[in-house]
């Protein structure tokens, strides 16, 4: 195994957190700006469609254009991002937030 930081084959994978946010498309740009301001360096956006209750108003399965926003962050940043989403984003915007532990090659790219 190579010790070079850019080598594909490393002795171990680095543990990180994958933060996934599903939200209406209209919220995405604002959310990205806020996440970048808080230290997120890379993200992926996928357009999607979905349905669900919209704060118990309207049809049960109201369909909206949405995005799935995924970011990989060091474990040390994850708690602060979750708190930001909980206190500043979720009270104003519809979103579903998931946090998972993942193993990543070249995890130092995300620090």
PDB file of N, CA and C in Angstrom:
ATOM      1  N   UNK A   1       0.835  -1.188   0.000  1.00  0.00           N
ATOM      2  CA  UNK A   1       0.000   0.000   0.000  1.00  0.00           C
ATOM      3  C   UNK A   1       0.877   1.247   0.000  1.00  0.00           C
ATOM      4  N   UNK A   2       0.420   2.231  -0.715  1.00  0.00           N
ATOM      5  CA  UNK A   2       1.185   3.464  -0.832  1.00  0.00           C
ATOM      6  C   UNK A   2       0.878   4.411   0.325  1.00  0.00           C
ATOM      7  N   UNK A   3       1.890   5.152   0.741  1.00  0.00           N
ATOM      8  CA  UNK A   3       1.696   6.182   1.761  1.00  0.00           C
ATOM      9  C   UNK A   3       1.377   7.539   1.142  1.00  0.00           C
ATOM     10  N   UNK A   4       1.459   7.640  -0.180  1.00  0.00           N
ATOM     11  CA  UNK A   4       1.197   8.901  -0.860  1.00  0.00           C
ATOM     12  C   UNK A   4      -0.245   9.323  -0.635  1.00  0.00           C
ATOM     13  N   UNK A   5      -0.454  10.604  -0.318  1.00  0.00           N
ATOM     14  CA  UNK A   5      -1.789  11.124  -0.022  1.00  0.00           C
ATOM     15  C   UNK A   5      -2.731  10.994  -1.220  1.00  0.00           C
ATOM     16  N   UNK A   6      -2.203  10.967  -2.444  1.00  0.00           N
ATOM     17  CA  UNK A   6      -3.045  10.864  -3.634  1.00  0.00           C
ATOM     18  C   UNK A   6      -3.224   9.428  -4.124  1.00  0.00           C
ATOM     19  N   UNK A   7      -2.647   8.464  -3.452  1.00  0.00           N
ATOM     20  CA  UNK A   7      -2.761   7.071  -3.873  1.00  0.00           C
ATOM     21  C   UNK A   7      -4.191   6.575  -3.716  1.00  0.00           C
ATOM     22  N   UNK A   8      -4.642   5.787  -4.687  1.00  0.00           N
ATOM     23  CA  UNK A   8      -5.991   5.236  -4.627  1.00  0.00           C
ATOM     24  C   UNK A   8      -6.103   4.176  -3.545  1.00  0.00           C
ATOM     25  N   UNK A   9      -5.079   3.372  -3.420  1.00  0.00           N
ATOM     26  CA  UNK A   9      -5.106   2.290  -2.436  1.00  0.00           C
ATOM     27  C   UNK A   9      -4.459   2.768  -1.142  1.00  0.00           C
ATOM     28  N   UNK A  10      -5.249   2.919  -0.149  1.00  0.00           N
ATOM     29  CA  UNK A  10      -4.770   3.374   1.155  1.00  0.00           C
ATOM     30  C   UNK A  10      -5.002   2.266   2.174  1.00  0.00           C
ATOM     31  N   UNK A  11      -4.346   2.379   3.279  1.00  0.00           N
ATOM     32  CA  UNK A  11      -4.490   1.360   4.320  1.00  0.00           C
ATOM     33  C   UNK A  11      -5.893   1.364   4.936  1.00  0.00           C
ATOM     34  N   UNK A  12      -6.467   2.543   5.083  1.00  0.00           N
ATOM     35  CA  UNK A  12      -7.797   2.632   5.683  1.00  0.00           C
ATOM     36  C   UNK A  12      -8.615   3.682   4.954  1.00  0.00           C
ATOM     37  N   UNK A  13      -9.890   3.630   5.179  1.00  0.00           N
ATOM     38  CA  UNK A  13     -10.794   4.659   4.684  1.00  0.00           C
ATOM     39  C   UNK A  13     -11.054   5.629   5.828  1.00  0.00           C
ATOM     40  N   UNK A  14     -11.216   6.899   5.500  1.00  0.00           N
ATOM     41  CA  UNK A  14     -11.500   7.887   6.529  1.00  0.00           C
ATOM     42  C   UNK A  14     -12.985   7.968   6.821  1.00  0.00           C
ATOM     43  N   UNK A  15     -13.349   8.073   8.083  1.00  0.00           N
ATOM     44  CA  UNK A  15     -14.758   8.228   8.441  1.00  0.00           C
ATOM     45  C   UNK A  15     -15.161   9.688   8.357  1.00  0.00           C
ATOM     46  N   UNK A  16     -16.304   9.905   7.739  1.00  0.00           N
ATOM     47  CA  UNK A  16     -16.869  11.242   7.607  1.00  0.00           C
ATOM     48  C   UNK A  16     -18.372  11.133   7.804  1.00  0.00           C
ATOM     49  N   UNK A  17     -19.029  12.269   7.732  1.00  0.00           N
ATOM     50  CA  UNK A  17     -20.486  12.298   7.797  1.00  0.00           C
ATOM     51  C   UNK A  17     -21.022  12.747   6.441  1.00  0.00           C
ATOM     52  N   UNK A  18     -22.062  12.050   5.978  1.00  0.00           N
ATOM     53  CA  UNK A  18     -22.775  12.480   4.774  1.00  0.00           C
ATOM     54  C   UNK A  18     -24.082  13.108   5.230  1.00  0.00           C
ATOM     55  N   UNK A  19     -24.230  14.372   4.930  1.00  0.00           N
ATOM     56  CA  UNK A  19     -25.432  15.126   5.255  1.00  0.00           C
ATOM     57  C   UNK A  19     -26.262  15.212   3.983  1.00  0.00           C
ATOM     58  N   UNK A  20     -27.480  14.687   4.035  1.00  0.00           N
ATOM     59  CA  UNK A  20     -28.382  14.702   2.888  1.00  0.00           C
ATOM     60  C   UNK A  20     -29.585  15.554   3.246  1.00  0.00           C
ATOM     61  N   UNK A  21     -29.897  16.496   2.356  1.00  0.00           N
ATOM     62  CA  UNK A  21     -31.024  17.399   2.582  1.00  0.00           C
ATOM     63  C   UNK A  21     -31.924  17.341   1.359  1.00  0.00           C
ATOM     64  N   UNK A  22     -33.189  16.964   1.535  1.00  0.00           N
ATOM     65  CA  UNK A  22     -34.173  17.012   0.470  1.00  0.00           C
ATOM     66  C   UNK A  22     -35.050  18.224   0.734  1.00  0.00           C
ATOM     67  N   UNK A  23     -35.136  19.098  -0.264  1.00  0.00           N
ATOM     68  CA  UNK A  23     -35.848  20.356  -0.077  1.00  0.00           C
ATOM     69  C   UNK A  23     -36.382  20.845  -1.417  1.00  0.00           C
ATOM     70  N   UNK A  24     -37.399  21.707  -1.427  1.00  0.00           N
ATOM     71  CA  UNK A  24     -37.869  22.264  -2.693  1.00  0.00           C
ATOM     72  C   UNK A  24     -36.746  22.991  -3.439  1.00  0.00           C
ATOM     73  N   UNK A  25     -36.790  22.920  -4.760  1.00  0.00           N
ATOM     74  CA  UNK A  25     -35.750  23.528  -5.594  1.00  0.00           C
ATOM     75  C   UNK A  25     -35.528  24.999  -5.275  1.00  0.00           C
ATOM     76  N   UNK A  26     -36.586  25.711  -4.953  1.00  0.00           N
ATOM     77  CA  UNK A  26     -36.484  27.150  -4.697  1.00  0.00           C
ATOM     78  C   UNK A  26     -35.589  27.476  -3.504  1.00  0.00           C
ATOM     79  N   UNK A  27     -35.383  26.547  -2.618  1.00  0.00           N
ATOM     80  CA  UNK A  27     -34.586  26.775  -1.410  1.00  0.00           C
ATOM     81  C   UNK A  27     -33.103  26.462  -1.638  1.00  0.00           C
ATOM     82  N   UNK A  28     -32.792  25.709  -2.685  1.00  0.00           N
ATOM     83  CA  UNK A  28     -31.447  25.151  -2.872  1.00  0.00           C
ATOM     84  C   UNK A  28     -30.342  26.200  -2.898  1.00  0.00           C
ATOM     85  N   UNK A  29     -30.473  27.248  -3.687  1.00  0.00           N
ATOM     86  CA  UNK A  29     -29.396  28.242  -3.803  1.00  0.00           C
ATOM     87  C   UNK A  29     -29.114  28.921  -2.463  1.00  0.00           C
ATOM     88  N   UNK A  30     -30.171  29.290  -1.765  1.00  0.00           N
ATOM     89  CA  UNK A  30     -30.010  29.904  -0.437  1.00  0.00           C
ATOM     90  C   UNK A  30     -29.293  28.938   0.507  1.00  0.00           C
ATOM     91  N   UNK A  31     -29.710  27.687   0.483  1.00  0.00           N
ATOM     92  CA  UNK A  31     -29.123  26.683   1.363  1.00  0.00           C
ATOM     93  C   UNK A  31     -27.652  26.447   1.035  1.00  0.00           C
ATOM     94  N   UNK A  32     -27.311  26.374  -0.241  1.00  0.00           N
ATOM     95  CA  UNK A  32     -25.912  26.178  -0.641  1.00  0.00           C
ATOM     96  C   UNK A  32     -25.057  27.339  -0.151  1.00  0.00           C
ATOM     97  N   UNK A  33     -25.523  28.561  -0.349  1.00  0.00           N
ATOM     98  CA  UNK A  33     -24.768  29.731   0.120  1.00  0.00           C
ATOM     99  C   UNK A  33     -24.507  29.648   1.620  1.00  0.00           C
ATOM    100  N   UNK A  34     -25.519  29.263   2.372  1.00  0.00           N
ATOM    101  CA  UNK A  34     -25.380  29.163   3.827  1.00  0.00           C
ATOM    102  C   UNK A  34     -24.405  28.053   4.223  1.00  0.00           C
ATOM    103  N   UNK A  35     -24.468  26.912   3.542  1.00  0.00           N
ATOM    104  CA  UNK A  35     -23.568  25.802   3.869  1.00  0.00           C
ATOM    105  C   UNK A  35     -22.123  26.140   3.533  1.00  0.00           C
ATOM    106  N   UNK A  36     -21.897  26.770   2.390  1.00  0.00           N
ATOM    107  CA  UNK A  36     -20.536  27.169   2.007  1.00  0.00           C
ATOM    108  C   UNK A  36     -19.982  28.168   3.016  1.00  0.00           C
ATOM    109  N   UNK A  37     -20.827  29.086   3.461  1.00  0.00           N
ATOM    110  CA  UNK A  37     -20.407  30.064   4.471  1.00  0.00           C
ATOM    111  C   UNK A  37     -19.978  29.376   5.769  1.00  0.00           C
ATOM    112  N   UNK A  38     -20.521  28.185   6.009  1.00  0.00           N
ATOM    113  CA  UNK A  38     -20.209  27.443   7.234  1.00  0.00           C
ATOM    114  C   UNK A  38     -19.149  26.362   7.025  1.00  0.00           C
ATOM    115  N   UNK A  39     -18.422  26.434   5.908  1.00  0.00           N
ATOM    116  CA  UNK A  39     -17.265  25.565   5.732  1.00  0.00           C
ATOM    117  C   UNK A  39     -17.420  24.378   4.805  1.00  0.00           C
ATOM    118  N   UNK A  40     -18.584  24.189   4.193  1.00  0.00           N
ATOM    119  CA  UNK A  40     -18.747  23.096   3.234  1.00  0.00           C
ATOM    120  C   UNK A  40     -17.947  23.439   1.983  1.00  0.00           C
ATOM    121  N   UNK A  41     -17.117  22.501   1.518  1.00  0.00           N
ATOM    122  CA  UNK A  41     -16.248  22.778   0.368  1.00  0.00           C
ATOM    123  C   UNK A  41     -16.710  22.108  -0.917  1.00  0.00           C
ATOM    124  N   UNK A  42     -17.515  21.063  -0.821  1.00  0.00           N
ATOM    125  CA  UNK A  42     -18.003  20.366  -2.005  1.00  0.00           C
ATOM    126  C   UNK A  42     -19.417  19.872  -1.729  1.00  0.00           C
ATOM    127  N   UNK A  43     -20.228  19.817  -2.782  1.00  0.00           N
ATOM    128  CA  UNK A  43     -21.593  19.332  -2.634  1.00  0.00           C
ATOM    129  C   UNK A  43     -22.065  18.734  -3.951  1.00  0.00           C
ATOM    130  N   UNK A  44     -23.118  17.948  -3.878  1.00  0.00           N
ATOM    131  CA  UNK A  44     -23.756  17.369  -5.049  1.00  0.00           C
ATOM    132  C   UNK A  44     -25.242  17.649  -4.950  1.00  0.00           C
ATOM    133  N   UNK A  45     -25.828  18.089  -6.074  1.00  0.00           N
ATOM    134  CA  UNK A  45     -27.272  18.325  -6.123  1.00  0.00           C
ATOM    135  C   UNK A  45     -27.864  17.420  -7.196  1.00  0.00           C
ATOM    136  N   UNK A  46     -28.949  16.749  -6.847  1.00  0.00           N
ATOM    137  CA  UNK A  46     -29.682  15.923  -7.791  1.00  0.00           C
ATOM    138  C   UNK A  46     -31.128  16.384  -7.789  1.00  0.00           C
ATOM    139  N   UNK A  47     -31.674  16.659  -8.978  1.00  0.00           N
ATOM    140  CA  UNK A  47     -33.084  17.026  -9.054  1.00  0.00           C
ATOM    141  C   UNK A  47     -33.925  15.779  -8.831  1.00  0.00           C
ATOM    142  N   UNK A  48     -35.036  15.944  -8.145  1.00  0.00           N
ATOM    143  CA  UNK A  48     -35.905  14.805  -7.866  1.00  0.00           C
ATOM    144  C   UNK A  48     -37.341  15.291  -7.721  1.00  0.00           C
ATOM    145  N   UNK A  49     -38.252  14.356  -7.682  1.00  0.00           N
ATOM    146  CA  UNK A  49     -39.653  14.656  -7.420  1.00  0.00           C
ATOM    147  C   UNK A  49     -40.073  13.810  -6.236  1.00  0.00           C
ATOM    148  N   UNK A  50     -40.983  14.331  -5.471  1.00  0.00           N
ATOM    149  CA  UNK A  50     -41.447  13.575  -4.322  1.00  0.00           C
ATOM    150  C   UNK A  50     -42.744  14.142  -3.804  1.00  0.00           C
ATOM    151  N   UNK A  51     -43.306  13.457  -2.865  1.00  0.00           N
ATOM    152  CA  UNK A  51     -44.548  13.917  -2.279  1.00  0.00           C
ATOM    153  C   UNK A  51     -44.581  13.598  -0.804  1.00  0.00           C
ATOM    154  N   UNK A  52     -45.417  14.304  -0.106  1.00  0.00           N
ATOM    155  CA  UNK A  52     -45.556  14.073   1.324  1.00  0.00           C
ATOM    156  C   UNK A  52     -46.431  15.146   1.927  1.00  0.00           C
ATOM    157  N   UNK A  53     -46.621  15.066   3.190  1.00  0.00           N
ATOM    158  CA  UNK A  53     -47.412  16.085   3.877  1.00  0.00           C
ATOM    159  C   UNK A  53     -46.634  17.381   3.935  1.00  0.00           C
ATOM    160  N   UNK A  54     -47.283  18.450   3.685  1.00  0.00           N
ATOM    161  CA  UNK A  54     -46.665  19.770   3.747  1.00  0.00           C
ATOM    162  C   UNK A  54     -47.170  20.477   4.998  1.00  0.00           C
ATOM    163  N   UNK A  55     -46.589  20.113   6.130  1.00  0.00           N
ATOM    164  CA  UNK A  55     -46.984  20.683   7.433  1.00  0.00           C
ATOM    165  C   UNK A  55     -48.488  20.527   7.680  1.00  0.00           C
ATOM    166  N   UNK A  56     -49.009  19.369   7.306  1.00  0.00           N
ATOM    167  CA  UNK A  56     -50.414  19.005   7.540  1.00  0.00           C
ATOM    168  C   UNK A  56     -51.393  19.928   6.842  1.00  0.00           C
ATOM    169  N   UNK A  57     -50.962  20.595   5.773  1.00  0.00           N
ATOM    170  CA  UNK A  57     -51.864  21.440   4.995  1.00  0.00           C
ATOM    171  C   UNK A  57     -51.952  20.880   3.586  1.00  0.00           C
ATOM    172  N   UNK A  58     -53.091  21.033   2.946  1.00  0.00           N
ATOM    173  CA  UNK A  58     -53.229  20.601   1.562  1.00  0.00           C
ATOM    174  C   UNK A  58     -53.326  19.092   1.444  1.00  0.00           C
ATOM    175  N   UNK A  59     -53.237  18.621   0.185  1.00  0.00           N
ATOM    176  CA  UNK A  59     -53.352  17.178  -0.057  1.00  0.00           C
ATOM    177  C   UNK A  59     -52.264  16.392   0.671  1.00  0.00           C
ATOM    178  N   UNK A  60     -52.603  15.180   1.036  1.00  0.00           N
ATOM    179  CA  UNK A  60     -51.676  14.344   1.788  1.00  0.00           C
ATOM    180  C   UNK A  60     -50.372  14.115   1.034  1.00  0.00           C
ATOM    181  N   UNK A  61     -50.436  13.875  -0.266  1.00  0.00           N
ATOM    182  CA  UNK A  61     -49.234  13.606  -1.043  1.00  0.00           C
ATOM    183  C   UNK A  61     -49.026  14.679  -2.106  1.00  0.00           C
ATOM    184  N   UNK A  62     -48.879  15.878  -1.697  1.00  0.00           N
ATOM    185  CA  UNK A  62     -48.650  16.982  -2.616  1.00  0.00           C
ATOM    186  C   UNK A  62     -47.265  16.820  -3.249  1.00  0.00           C
ATOM    187  N   UNK A  63     -47.219  16.846  -4.583  1.00  0.00           N
ATOM    188  CA  UNK A  63     -45.954  16.651  -5.288  1.00  0.00           C
ATOM    189  C   UNK A  63     -45.282  17.988  -5.555  1.00  0.00           C
ATOM    190  N   UNK A  64     -43.984  18.033  -5.344  1.00  0.00           N
ATOM    191  CA  UNK A  64     -43.220  19.255  -5.595  1.00  0.00           C
ATOM    192  C   UNK A  64     -41.908  18.903  -6.274  1.00  0.00           C
ATOM    193  N   UNK A  65     -41.365  19.869  -7.020  1.00  0.00           N
ATOM    194  CA  UNK A  65     -40.015  19.700  -7.564  1.00  0.00           C
ATOM    195  C   UNK A  65     -39.047  19.935  -6.420  1.00  0.00           C
ATOM    196  N   UNK A  66     -38.164  18.998  -6.278  1.00  0.00           N
ATOM    197  CA  UNK A  66     -37.245  19.058  -5.153  1.00  0.00           C
ATOM    198  C   UNK A  66     -35.825  18.788  -5.609  1.00  0.00           C
ATOM    199  N   UNK A  67     -34.907  19.002  -4.693  1.00  0.00           N
ATOM    200  CA  UNK A  67     -33.516  18.632  -4.922  1.00  0.00           C
ATOM    201  C   UNK A  67     -33.049  17.806  -3.737  1.00  0.00           C
ATOM    202  N   UNK A  68     -32.089  16.966  -4.042  1.00  0.00           N
ATOM    203  CA  UNK A  68     -31.395  16.198  -3.009  1.00  0.00           C
ATOM    204  C   UNK A  68     -29.989  16.764  -2.971  1.00  0.00           C
ATOM    205  N   UNK A  69     -29.631  17.364  -1.869  1.00  0.00           N
ATOM    206  CA  UNK A  69     -28.334  18.005  -1.688  1.00  0.00           C
ATOM    207  C   UNK A  69     -27.520  17.144  -0.734  1.00  0.00           C
ATOM    208  N   UNK A  70     -26.344  16.717  -1.184  1.00  0.00           N
ATOM    209  CA  UNK A  70     -25.483  15.876  -0.350  1.00  0.00           C
ATOM    210  C   UNK A  70     -24.135  16.547  -0.154  1.00  0.00           C
ATOM    211  N   UNK A  71     -23.667  16.520   1.072  1.00  0.00           N
ATOM    212  CA  UNK A  71     -22.338  17.041   1.384  1.00  0.00           C
ATOM    213  C   UNK A  71     -21.618  16.037   2.277  1.00  0.00           C
ATOM    214  N   UNK A  72     -20.316  15.942   2.095  1.00  0.00           N
ATOM    215  CA  UNK A  72     -19.467  15.143   2.978  1.00  0.00           C
ATOM    216  C   UNK A  72     -18.676  16.112   3.832  1.00  0.00           C
ATOM    217  N   UNK A  73     -18.739  15.908   5.127  1.00  0.00           N
ATOM    218  CA  UNK A  73     -18.027  16.797   6.048  1.00  0.00           C
ATOM    219  C   UNK A  73     -17.340  15.970   7.126  1.00  0.00           C
ATOM    220  N   UNK A  74     -16.255  16.507   7.672  1.00  0.00           N
ATOM    221  CA  UNK A  74     -15.641  15.840   8.822  1.00  0.00           C
ATOM    222  C   UNK A  74     -16.646  15.764   9.975  1.00  0.00           C
ATOM    223  N   UNK A  75     -16.520  14.747  10.766  1.00  0.00           N
ATOM    224  CA  UNK A  75     -17.418  14.549  11.901  1.00  0.00           C
ATOM    225  C   UNK A  75     -17.480  15.792  12.787  1.00  0.00           C
ATOM    226  N   UNK A  76     -16.365  16.495  12.907  1.00  0.00           N
ATOM    227  CA  UNK A  76     -16.319  17.677  13.772  1.00  0.00           C
ATOM    228  C   UNK A  76     -17.212  18.811  13.274  1.00  0.00           C
ATOM    229  N   UNK A  77     -17.491  18.889  11.974  1.00  0.00           N
ATOM    230  CA  UNK A  77     -18.349  19.948  11.429  1.00  0.00           C
ATOM    231  C   UNK A  77     -19.821  19.561  11.402  1.00  0.00           C
ATOM    232  N   UNK A  78     -20.106  18.274  11.453  1.00  0.00           N
ATOM    233  CA  UNK A  78     -21.474  17.799  11.267  1.00  0.00           C
ATOM    234  C   UNK A  78     -22.440  18.338  12.317  1.00  0.00           C
ATOM    235  N   UNK A  79     -22.062  18.328  13.565  1.00  0.00           N
ATOM    236  CA  UNK A  79     -22.965  18.779  14.631  1.00  0.00           C
ATOM    237  C   UNK A  79     -23.351  20.240  14.458  1.00  0.00           C
ATOM    238  N   UNK A  80     -22.398  21.074  14.080  1.00  0.00           N
ATOM    239  CA  UNK A  80     -22.694  22.497  13.878  1.00  0.00           C
ATOM    240  C   UNK A  80     -23.639  22.700  12.697  1.00  0.00           C
ATOM    241  N   UNK A  81     -23.466  21.916  11.626  1.00  0.00           N
ATOM    242  CA  UNK A  81     -24.360  22.036  10.474  1.00  0.00           C
ATOM    243  C   UNK A  81     -25.772  21.581  10.819  1.00  0.00           C
ATOM    244  N   UNK A  82     -25.884  20.504  11.579  1.00  0.00           N
ATOM    245  CA  UNK A  82     -27.206  20.030  12.001  1.00  0.00           C
ATOM    246  C   UNK A  82     -27.893  21.079  12.865  1.00  0.00           C
ATOM    247  N   UNK A  83     -27.173  21.678  13.774  1.00  0.00           N
ATOM    248  CA  UNK A  83     -27.757  22.712  14.634  1.00  0.00           C
ATOM    249  C   UNK A  83     -28.199  23.916  13.809  1.00  0.00           C
ATOM    250  N   UNK A  84     -27.391  24.321  12.836  1.00  0.00           N
ATOM    251  CA  UNK A  84     -27.775  25.416  11.944  1.00  0.00           C
ATOM    252  C   UNK A  84     -29.068  25.071  11.202  1.00  0.00           C
ATOM    253  N   UNK A  85     -29.146  23.879  10.626  1.00  0.00           N
ATOM    254  CA  UNK A  85     -30.352  23.476   9.896  1.00  0.00           C
ATOM    255  C   UNK A  85     -31.563  23.454  10.820  1.00  0.00           C
ATOM    256  N   UNK A  86     -31.389  22.917  12.012  1.00  0.00           N
ATOM    257  CA  UNK A  86     -32.486  22.814  12.979  1.00  0.00           C
ATOM    258  C   UNK A  86     -32.993  24.194  13.410  1.00  0.00           C
ATOM    259  N   UNK A  87     -32.084  25.119  13.637  1.00  0.00           N
ATOM    260  CA  UNK A  87     -32.496  26.414  14.196  1.00  0.00           C
ATOM    261  C   UNK A  87     -32.849  27.463  13.145  1.00  0.00           C
ATOM    262  N   UNK A  88     -32.216  27.426  11.972  1.00  0.00           N
ATOM    263  CA  UNK A  88     -32.416  28.510  11.007  1.00  0.00           C
ATOM    264  C   UNK A  88     -33.120  28.112   9.714  1.00  0.00           C
ATOM    265  N   UNK A  89     -33.000  26.877   9.291  1.00  0.00           N
ATOM    266  CA  UNK A  89     -33.599  26.468   8.018  1.00  0.00           C
ATOM    267  C   UNK A  89     -34.958  25.800   8.220  1.00  0.00           C
ATOM    268  N   UNK A  90     -35.023  24.797   9.075  1.00  0.00           N
ATOM    269  CA  UNK A  90     -36.265  24.041   9.240  1.00  0.00           C
ATOM    270  C   UNK A  90     -37.455  24.863   9.737  1.00  0.00           C
ATOM    271  N   UNK A  91     -37.266  25.885  10.575  1.00  0.00           N
ATOM    272  CA  UNK A  91     -38.434  26.684  10.963  1.00  0.00           C
ATOM    273  C   UNK A  91     -39.050  27.470   9.799  1.00  0.00           C
ATOM    274  N   UNK A  92     -38.262  27.759   8.763  1.00  0.00           N
ATOM    275  CA  UNK A  92     -38.750  28.581   7.655  1.00  0.00           C
ATOM    276  C   UNK A  92     -39.029  27.812   6.376  1.00  0.00           C
ATOM    277  N   UNK A  93     -38.323  26.700   6.152  1.00  0.00           N
ATOM    278  CA  UNK A  93     -38.411  25.994   4.878  1.00  0.00           C
ATOM    279  C   UNK A  93     -38.698  24.516   5.101  1.00  0.00           C
ATOM    280  N   UNK A  94     -39.369  23.914   4.128  1.00  0.00           N
ATOM    281  CA  UNK A  94     -39.592  22.472   4.150  1.00  0.00           C
ATOM    282  C   UNK A  94     -38.284  21.773   3.800  1.00  0.00           C
ATOM    283  N   UNK A  95     -37.912  20.784   4.561  1.00  0.00           N
ATOM    284  CA  UNK A  95     -36.710  20.005   4.264  1.00  0.00           C
ATOM    285  C   UNK A  95     -36.739  18.724   5.081  1.00  0.00           C
ATOM    286  N   UNK A  96     -36.119  17.701   4.523  1.00  0.00           N
ATOM    287  CA  UNK A  96     -35.861  16.465   5.248  1.00  0.00           C
ATOM    288  C   UNK A  96     -34.351  16.341   5.346  1.00  0.00           C
ATOM    289  N   UNK A  97     -33.849  16.095   6.530  1.00  0.00           N
ATOM    290  CA  UNK A  97     -32.405  16.066   6.769  1.00  0.00           C
ATOM    291  C   UNK A  97     -32.015  14.692   7.312  1.00  0.00           C
ATOM    292  N   UNK A  98     -30.978  14.103   6.713  1.00  0.00           N
ATOM    293  CA  UNK A  98     -30.445  12.812   7.165  1.00  0.00           C
ATOM    294  C   UNK A  98     -28.947  12.956   7.386  1.00  0.00           C
ATOM    295  N   UNK A  99     -28.429  12.271   8.376  1.00  0.00           N
ATOM    296  CA  UNK A  99     -26.995  12.285   8.658  1.00  0.00           C
ATOM    297  C   UNK A  99     -26.526  10.843   8.816  1.00  0.00           C
ATOM    298  N   UNK A 100     -25.492  10.467   8.054  1.00  0.00           N
ATOM    299  CA  UNK A 100     -24.967   9.106   8.086  1.00  0.00           C
ATOM    300  C   UNK A 100     -23.459   9.140   8.259  1.00  0.00           C
ATOM    301  N   UNK A 101     -22.923   8.104   8.870  1.00  0.00           N
ATOM    302  CA  UNK A 101     -21.478   7.918   8.916  1.00  0.00           C
ATOM    303  C   UNK A 101     -21.089   7.104   7.690  1.00  0.00           C
ATOM    304  N   UNK A 102     -20.099   7.593   6.936  1.00  0.00           N
ATOM    305  CA  UNK A 102     -19.631   6.910   5.728  1.00  0.00           C
ATOM    306  C   UNK A 102     -18.115   6.801   5.772  1.00  0.00           C
ATOM    307  N   UNK A 103     -17.581   5.881   4.989  1.00  0.00           N
ATOM    308  CA  UNK A 103     -16.137   5.729   4.866  1.00  0.00           C
ATOM    309  C   UNK A 103     -15.736   6.207   3.477  1.00  0.00           C
ATOM    310  N   UNK A 104     -14.690   7.037   3.411  1.00  0.00           N
ATOM    311  CA  UNK A 104     -14.347   7.738   2.181  1.00  0.00           C
ATOM    312  C   UNK A 104     -12.858   7.599   1.887  1.00  0.00           C
ATOM    313  N   UNK A 105     -12.534   7.322   0.629  1.00  0.00           N
ATOM    314  CA  UNK A 105     -11.147   7.420   0.189  1.00  0.00           C
ATOM    315  C   UNK A 105     -10.787   8.890   0.098  1.00  0.00           C
ATOM    316  N   UNK A 106      -9.565   9.242   0.405  1.00  0.00           N
ATOM    317  CA  UNK A 106      -9.085  10.622   0.325  1.00  0.00           C
ATOM    318  C   UNK A 106      -9.967  11.574   1.135  1.00  0.00           C
ATOM    319  N   UNK A 107     -10.295  11.191   2.328  1.00  0.00           N
ATOM    320  CA  UNK A 107     -11.160  12.025   3.164  1.00  0.00           C
ATOM    321  C   UNK A 107     -10.530  13.375   3.479  1.00  0.00           C
ATOM    322  N   UNK A 108      -9.217  13.492   3.366  1.00  0.00           N
ATOM    323  CA  UNK A 108      -8.563  14.775   3.633  1.00  0.00           C
ATOM    324  C   UNK A 108      -8.942  15.834   2.606  1.00  0.00           C
ATOM    325  N   UNK A 109      -9.507  15.437   1.467  1.00  0.00           N
ATOM    326  CA  UNK A 109      -9.954  16.406   0.463  1.00  0.00           C
ATOM    327  C   UNK A 109     -11.098  17.273   0.973  1.00  0.00           C
ATOM    328  N   UNK A 110     -11.780  16.841   2.010  1.00  0.00           N
ATOM    329  CA  UNK A 110     -12.978  17.524   2.483  1.00  0.00           C
ATOM    330  C   UNK A 110     -12.743  18.348   3.741  1.00  0.00           C
ATOM    331  N   UNK A 111     -11.516  18.463   4.180  1.00  0.00           N
ATOM    332  CA  UNK A 111     -11.226  19.204   5.414  1.00  0.00           C
ATOM    333  C   UNK A 111     -11.003  20.666   5.138  1.00  0.00           C
TER     334      UNK A 111
END
